[in-house]
Amino acid sequence: TNRCDRGDRVSAKGALVGTLEQARARLEELRRAQAAAEQRAALFRDLALRFKGMLDAGQLQIVARSGRMVLMLPTDILFDSGKTAISAQGKAALAEVGAVLASLPTRRFQVAGHTDNQPIRHSGFASNWELSAERAQQVLRQLIQVGMAPETLSSAAYGEFDAVAANDTAENRARNRRIEI
């Protein structure tokens, strides 16, 4: 019976060592995740400071969504109603945004166009989807023109299908008409 007891102790010790190694690996994984979260929070604070003027002027909002930082620009700052040509005010705003984002060369950015749910009437686009796609493309081109590297950019179109507010009031529809980066 002594050999069995010794074998059981060795087996139990081996199981404990394995459990301890798993716990250490998990702890290290949690430390890396915490460090990454702290780094994201520091970047978020830094960008908020760099965009303070635009934030205070209501030209830009910064939100965290699904672990990502999202810059939201209302389309009434960038475009006239139903249009895709960027306004002078929009070009100035995008020059400021582009300068800050270009200083983050290891990051990738997606420019996403969003609309409200009002049917297209006079813009010549078949749907809000096409309008949001063209607006995203125009913003992407403008960001490249102000110095952002093309390989760091992509675009997407959501049309009316990713609303941040109900489309039940003029104010809420305005919130849904936006470009997100």
C-alpha atoms as a PDB file:
ATOM      1  CA  THR A   1       0.000   0.000   0.000  1.00  0.00           C
ATOM      2  CA  ASN A   2       2.929   2.339   0.472  1.00  0.00           C
ATOM      3  CA  ARG A   3       3.661   2.337  -3.255  1.00  0.00           C
ATOM      4  CA  CYS A   4       0.025   3.226  -3.982  1.00  0.00           C
ATOM      5  CA  ASP A   5       0.056   6.038  -1.416  1.00  0.00           C
ATOM      6  CA  ARG A   6       3.297   7.393  -2.881  1.00  0.00           C
ATOM      7  CA  GLY A   7       1.893   7.152  -6.421  1.00  0.00           C
ATOM      8  CA  ASP A   8      -1.254   8.966  -5.374  1.00  0.00           C
ATOM      9  CA  ARG A   9       0.813  11.736  -3.745  1.00  0.00           C
ATOM     10  CA  VAL A  10       2.980  12.122  -6.863  1.00  0.00           C
ATOM     11  CA  SER A  11      -0.130  12.186  -9.035  1.00  0.00           C
ATOM     12  CA  ALA A  12      -1.813  14.753  -6.770  1.00  0.00           C
ATOM     13  CA  LYS A  13       1.347  16.852  -6.701  1.00  0.00           C
ATOM     14  CA  GLY A  14       1.521  16.750 -10.511  1.00  0.00           C
ATOM     15  CA  ALA A  15      -2.121  17.839 -10.732  1.00  0.00           C
ATOM     16  CA  LEU A  16      -1.465  20.726  -8.329  1.00  0.00           C
ATOM     17  CA  VAL A  17       1.593  21.850 -10.300  1.00  0.00           C
ATOM     18  CA  GLY A  18      -0.469  21.774 -13.499  1.00  0.00           C
ATOM     19  CA  THR A  19      -3.257  23.785 -11.872  1.00  0.00           C
ATOM     20  CA  LEU A  20      -0.748  26.285 -10.515  1.00  0.00           C
ATOM     21  CA  GLU A  21       0.835  26.703 -13.959  1.00  0.00           C
ATOM     22  CA  GLN A  22      -2.611  27.266 -15.480  1.00  0.00           C
ATOM     23  CA  ALA A  23      -3.392  29.868 -12.798  1.00  0.00           C
ATOM     24  CA  ARG A  24      -0.094  31.656 -13.450  1.00  0.00           C
ATOM     25  CA  ALA A  25      -0.734  31.663 -17.204  1.00  0.00           C
ATOM     26  CA  ARG A  26      -4.251  33.046 -16.647  1.00  0.00           C
ATOM     27  CA  LEU A  27      -2.893  35.715 -14.287  1.00  0.00           C
ATOM     28  CA  GLU A  28      -0.337  36.770 -16.901  1.00  0.00           C
ATOM     29  CA  GLU A  29      -3.084  36.894 -19.534  1.00  0.00           C
ATOM     30  CA  LEU A  30      -5.179  39.118 -17.238  1.00  0.00           C
ATOM     31  CA  ARG A  31      -2.194  41.402 -16.625  1.00  0.00           C
ATOM     32  CA  ARG A  32      -1.688  41.796 -20.386  1.00  0.00           C
ATOM     33  CA  ALA A  33      -5.404  42.540 -20.851  1.00  0.00           C
ATOM     34  CA  GLN A  34      -5.298  45.112 -18.053  1.00  0.00           C
ATOM     35  CA  ALA A  35      -2.220  46.780 -19.551  1.00  0.00           C
ATOM     36  CA  ALA A  36      -3.930  46.924 -22.957  1.00  0.00           C
ATOM     37  CA  ALA A  37      -7.073  48.420 -21.378  1.00  0.00           C
ATOM     38  CA  GLU A  38      -4.982  51.017 -19.546  1.00  0.00           C
ATOM     39  CA  GLN A  39      -3.189  51.860 -22.796  1.00  0.00           C
ATOM     40  CA  ARG A  40      -6.547  52.306 -24.587  1.00  0.00           C
ATOM     41  CA  ALA A  41      -7.815  54.526 -21.756  1.00  0.00           C
ATOM     42  CA  ALA A  42      -4.665  56.673 -21.945  1.00  0.00           C
ATOM     43  CA  LEU A  43      -5.067  57.010 -25.723  1.00  0.00           C
ATOM     44  CA  PHE A  44      -8.737  57.912 -25.251  1.00  0.00           C
ATOM     45  CA  ARG A  45      -7.796  60.654 -22.738  1.00  0.00           C
ATOM     46  CA  ASP A  46      -5.037  61.934 -25.018  1.00  0.00           C
ATOM     47  CA  LEU A  47      -7.343  62.133 -28.029  1.00  0.00           C
ATOM     48  CA  ALA A  48     -10.055  63.816 -25.976  1.00  0.00           C
ATOM     49  CA  LEU A  49      -7.542  66.510 -25.008  1.00  0.00           C
ATOM     50  CA  ARG A  50      -6.332  66.901 -28.594  1.00  0.00           C
ATOM     51  CA  PHE A  51      -9.920  67.194 -29.850  1.00  0.00           C
ATOM     52  CA  LYS A  52     -11.060  69.451 -26.981  1.00  0.00           C
ATOM     53  CA  GLY A  53     -11.853  72.412 -29.222  1.00  0.00           C
ATOM     54  CA  MET A  54     -13.959  70.323 -31.594  1.00  0.00           C
ATOM     55  CA  LEU A  55     -15.677  68.550 -28.697  1.00  0.00           C
ATOM     56  CA  ASP A  56     -16.513  71.856 -27.004  1.00  0.00           C
ATOM     57  CA  ALA A  57     -17.840  73.276 -30.304  1.00  0.00           C
ATOM     58  CA  GLY A  58     -20.122  70.257 -30.843  1.00  0.00           C
ATOM     59  CA  GLN A  59     -18.316  69.328 -34.060  1.00  0.00           C
ATOM     60  CA  LEU A  60     -17.253  65.943 -32.738  1.00  0.00           C
ATOM     61  CA  GLN A  61     -18.165  63.336 -30.152  1.00  0.00           C
ATOM     62  CA  ILE A  62     -15.932  60.546 -28.912  1.00  0.00           C
ATOM     63  CA  VAL A  63     -17.561  57.379 -27.617  1.00  0.00           C
ATOM     64  CA  ALA A  64     -16.314  53.947 -26.671  1.00  0.00           C
ATOM     65  CA  ARG A  65     -18.203  51.132 -28.353  1.00  0.00           C
ATOM     66  CA  SER A  66     -17.330  47.430 -28.206  1.00  0.00           C
ATOM     67  CA  GLY A  67     -13.828  48.189 -26.971  1.00  0.00           C
ATOM     68  CA  ARG A  68     -13.194  50.674 -29.770  1.00  0.00           C
ATOM     69  CA  MET A  69     -12.950  54.409 -29.781  1.00  0.00           C
ATOM     70  CA  VAL A  70     -15.390  56.001 -32.219  1.00  0.00           C
ATOM     71  CA  LEU A  71     -15.257  59.590 -33.452  1.00  0.00           C
ATOM     72  CA  MET A  72     -18.730  60.775 -34.460  1.00  0.00           C
ATOM     73  CA  LEU A  73     -19.093  63.786 -36.758  1.00  0.00           C
ATOM     74  CA  PRO A  74     -22.624  65.052 -37.484  1.00  0.00           C
ATOM     75  CA  THR A  75     -23.229  65.221 -41.219  1.00  0.00           C
ATOM     76  CA  ASP A  76     -24.690  68.730 -40.977  1.00  0.00           C
ATOM     77  CA  ILE A  77     -21.136  69.904 -40.207  1.00  0.00           C
ATOM     78  CA  LEU A  78     -19.706  68.006 -43.182  1.00  0.00           C
ATOM     79  CA  PHE A  79     -22.418  68.128 -45.865  1.00  0.00           C
ATOM     80  CA  ASP A  80     -25.427  70.091 -47.013  1.00  0.00           C
ATOM     81  CA  SER A  81     -28.708  68.146 -46.833  1.00  0.00           C
ATOM     82  CA  GLY A  82     -28.785  65.281 -49.334  1.00  0.00           C
ATOM     83  CA  LYS A  83     -25.379  66.240 -50.763  1.00  0.00           C
ATOM     84  CA  THR A  84     -22.039  64.476 -50.829  1.00  0.00           C
ATOM     85  CA  ALA A  85     -19.713  67.422 -51.484  1.00  0.00           C
ATOM     86  CA  ILE A  86     -17.917  68.283 -48.256  1.00  0.00           C
ATOM     87  CA  SER A  87     -18.573  71.839 -47.079  1.00  0.00           C
ATOM     88  CA  ALA A  88     -15.812  74.317 -46.220  1.00  0.00           C
ATOM     89  CA  GLN A  89     -16.629  73.839 -42.529  1.00  0.00           C
ATOM     90  CA  GLY A  90     -16.450  70.079 -43.045  1.00  0.00           C
ATOM     91  CA  LYS A  91     -13.059  70.306 -44.758  1.00  0.00           C
ATOM     92  CA  ALA A  92     -11.706  72.344 -41.844  1.00  0.00           C
ATOM     93  CA  ALA A  93     -13.047  69.804 -39.341  1.00  0.00           C
ATOM     94  CA  LEU A  94     -11.598  66.877 -41.296  1.00  0.00           C
ATOM     95  CA  ALA A  95      -8.213  68.627 -41.576  1.00  0.00           C
ATOM     96  CA  GLU A  96      -8.099  68.797 -37.787  1.00  0.00           C
ATOM     97  CA  VAL A  97      -9.274  65.192 -37.378  1.00  0.00           C
ATOM     98  CA  GLY A  98      -6.857  63.958 -40.052  1.00  0.00           C
ATOM     99  CA  ALA A  99      -3.876  65.688 -38.433  1.00  0.00           C
ATOM    100  CA  VAL A 100      -4.557  63.974 -35.111  1.00  0.00           C
ATOM    101  CA  LEU A 101      -5.290  60.549 -36.601  1.00  0.00           C
ATOM    102  CA  ALA A 102      -2.254  60.697 -38.897  1.00  0.00           C
ATOM    103  CA  SER A 103      -0.129  60.926 -35.747  1.00  0.00           C
ATOM    104  CA  LEU A 104      -1.226  57.350 -34.951  1.00  0.00           C
ATOM    105  CA  PRO A 105       0.477  55.507 -37.841  1.00  0.00           C
ATOM    106  CA  THR A 106       0.061  52.015 -36.385  1.00  0.00           C
ATOM    107  CA  ARG A 107      -3.728  52.355 -36.114  1.00  0.00           C
ATOM    108  CA  ARG A 108      -6.276  51.531 -38.773  1.00  0.00           C
ATOM    109  CA  PHE A 109      -9.437  53.565 -39.232  1.00  0.00           C
ATOM    110  CA  GLN A 110     -12.781  52.844 -40.829  1.00  0.00           C
ATOM    111  CA  VAL A 111     -14.919  55.720 -42.071  1.00  0.00           C
ATOM    112  CA  ALA A 112     -18.582  54.737 -41.769  1.00  0.00           C
ATOM    113  CA  GLY A 113     -21.496  56.647 -43.267  1.00  0.00           C
ATOM    114  CA  HIS A 114     -24.897  56.687 -41.526  1.00  0.00           C
ATOM    115  CA  THR A 115     -28.237  58.285 -42.403  1.00  0.00           C
ATOM    116  CA  ASP A 116     -31.657  58.685 -40.874  1.00  0.00           C
ATOM    117  CA  ASN A 117     -34.592  56.652 -42.181  1.00  0.00           C
ATOM    118  CA  GLN A 118     -36.178  59.377 -44.289  1.00  0.00           C
ATOM    119  CA  PRO A 119     -36.657  58.234 -47.891  1.00  0.00           C
ATOM    120  CA  ILE A 120     -34.389  59.738 -50.541  1.00  0.00           C
ATOM    121  CA  ARG A 121     -36.278  62.297 -52.611  1.00  0.00           C
ATOM    122  CA  HIS A 122     -34.052  64.701 -54.527  1.00  0.00           C
ATOM    123  CA  SER A 123     -30.417  63.669 -54.095  1.00  0.00           C
ATOM    124  CA  GLY A 124     -30.247  61.280 -57.047  1.00  0.00           C
ATOM    125  CA  PHE A 125     -29.273  58.320 -54.860  1.00  0.00           C
ATOM    126  CA  ALA A 126     -31.339  55.150 -54.996  1.00  0.00           C
ATOM    127  CA  SER A 127     -31.370  54.791 -51.208  1.00  0.00           C
ATOM    128  CA  ASN A 128     -29.871  56.022 -47.960  1.00  0.00           C
ATOM    129  CA  TRP A 129     -27.355  53.214 -48.263  1.00  0.00           C
ATOM    130  CA  GLU A 130     -25.877  54.669 -51.439  1.00  0.00           C
ATOM    131  CA  LEU A 131     -25.886  58.170 -49.931  1.00  0.00           C
ATOM    132  CA  SER A 132     -24.063  56.954 -46.801  1.00  0.00           C
ATOM    133  CA  ALA A 133     -21.539  55.040 -48.944  1.00  0.00           C
ATOM    134  CA  GLU A 134     -20.700  58.068 -51.081  1.00  0.00           C
ATOM    135  CA  ARG A 135     -20.394  60.326 -48.045  1.00  0.00           C
ATOM    136  CA  ALA A 136     -18.023  57.843 -46.375  1.00  0.00           C
ATOM    137  CA  GLN A 137     -15.941  57.738 -49.557  1.00  0.00           C
ATOM    138  CA  GLN A 138     -15.796  61.531 -49.736  1.00  0.00           C
ATOM    139  CA  VAL A 139     -14.612  61.732 -46.116  1.00  0.00           C
ATOM    140  CA  LEU A 140     -12.039  59.016 -46.765  1.00  0.00           C
ATOM    141  CA  ARG A 141     -10.698  60.924 -49.794  1.00  0.00           C
ATOM    142  CA  GLN A 142     -10.556  64.154 -47.787  1.00  0.00           C
ATOM    143  CA  LEU A 143      -8.622  62.448 -44.971  1.00  0.00           C
ATOM    144  CA  ILE A 144      -6.109  61.180 -47.512  1.00  0.00           C
ATOM    145  CA  GLN A 145      -5.856  64.664 -49.009  1.00  0.00           C
ATOM    146  CA  VAL A 146      -5.008  66.144 -45.592  1.00  0.00           C
ATOM    147  CA  GLY A 147      -2.203  63.634 -45.049  1.00  0.00           C
ATOM    148  CA  MET A 148      -3.541  60.341 -43.774  1.00  0.00           C
ATOM    149  CA  ALA A 149      -1.977  57.209 -45.249  1.00  0.00           C
ATOM    150  CA  PRO A 150      -4.437  55.409 -47.562  1.00  0.00           C
ATOM    151  CA  GLU A 151      -3.398  51.993 -46.230  1.00  0.00           C
ATOM    152  CA  THR A 152      -4.716  52.959 -42.783  1.00  0.00           C
ATOM    153  CA  LEU A 153      -8.225  53.709 -44.062  1.00  0.00           C
ATOM    154  CA  SER A 154     -11.303  51.819 -45.185  1.00  0.00           C
ATOM    155  CA  SER A 155     -14.932  52.801 -45.579  1.00  0.00           C
ATOM    156  CA  ALA A 156     -18.317  51.301 -44.813  1.00  0.00           C
ATOM    157  CA  ALA A 157     -21.931  52.279 -45.363  1.00  0.00           C
ATOM    158  CA  TYR A 158     -24.728  51.574 -42.915  1.00  0.00           C
ATOM    159  CA  GLY A 159     -27.460  53.779 -44.331  1.00  0.00           C
ATOM    160  CA  GLU A 160     -30.310  53.916 -41.840  1.00  0.00           C
ATOM    161  CA  PHE A 161     -29.559  50.485 -40.373  1.00  0.00           C
ATOM    162  CA  ASP A 162     -27.292  51.387 -37.434  1.00  0.00           C
ATOM    163  CA  ALA A 163     -29.248  54.140 -35.730  1.00  0.00           C
ATOM    164  CA  VAL A 164     -28.064  55.624 -32.426  1.00  0.00           C
ATOM    165  CA  ALA A 165     -31.506  57.088 -31.718  1.00  0.00           C
ATOM    166  CA  ALA A 166     -35.099  56.422 -32.711  1.00  0.00           C
ATOM    167  CA  ASN A 167     -35.983  58.238 -35.942  1.00  0.00           C
ATOM    168  CA  ASP A 168     -39.059  59.739 -34.272  1.00  0.00           C
ATOM    169  CA  THR A 169     -38.053  63.420 -34.003  1.00  0.00           C
ATOM    170  CA  ALA A 170     -36.051  65.853 -36.098  1.00  0.00           C
ATOM    171  CA  GLU A 171     -33.403  65.974 -33.355  1.00  0.00           C
ATOM    172  CA  ASN A 172     -33.049  62.169 -33.257  1.00  0.00           C
ATOM    173  CA  ARG A 173     -32.896  61.931 -37.048  1.00  0.00           C
ATOM    174  CA  ALA A 174     -30.089  64.513 -36.972  1.00  0.00           C
ATOM    175  CA  ARG A 175     -28.202  62.326 -34.452  1.00  0.00           C
ATOM    176  CA  ASN A 176     -28.471  59.381 -36.843  1.00  0.00           C
ATOM    177  CA  ARG A 177     -27.027  61.354 -39.778  1.00  0.00           C
ATOM    178  CA  ARG A 178     -23.347  61.039 -39.032  1.00  0.00           C
ATOM    179  CA  ILE A 179     -19.923  59.913 -40.094  1.00  0.00           C
ATOM    180  CA  GLU A 180     -18.106  57.638 -37.651  1.00  0.00           C
ATOM    181  CA  ILE A 181     -14.371  57.021 -37.677  1.00  0.00           C
END
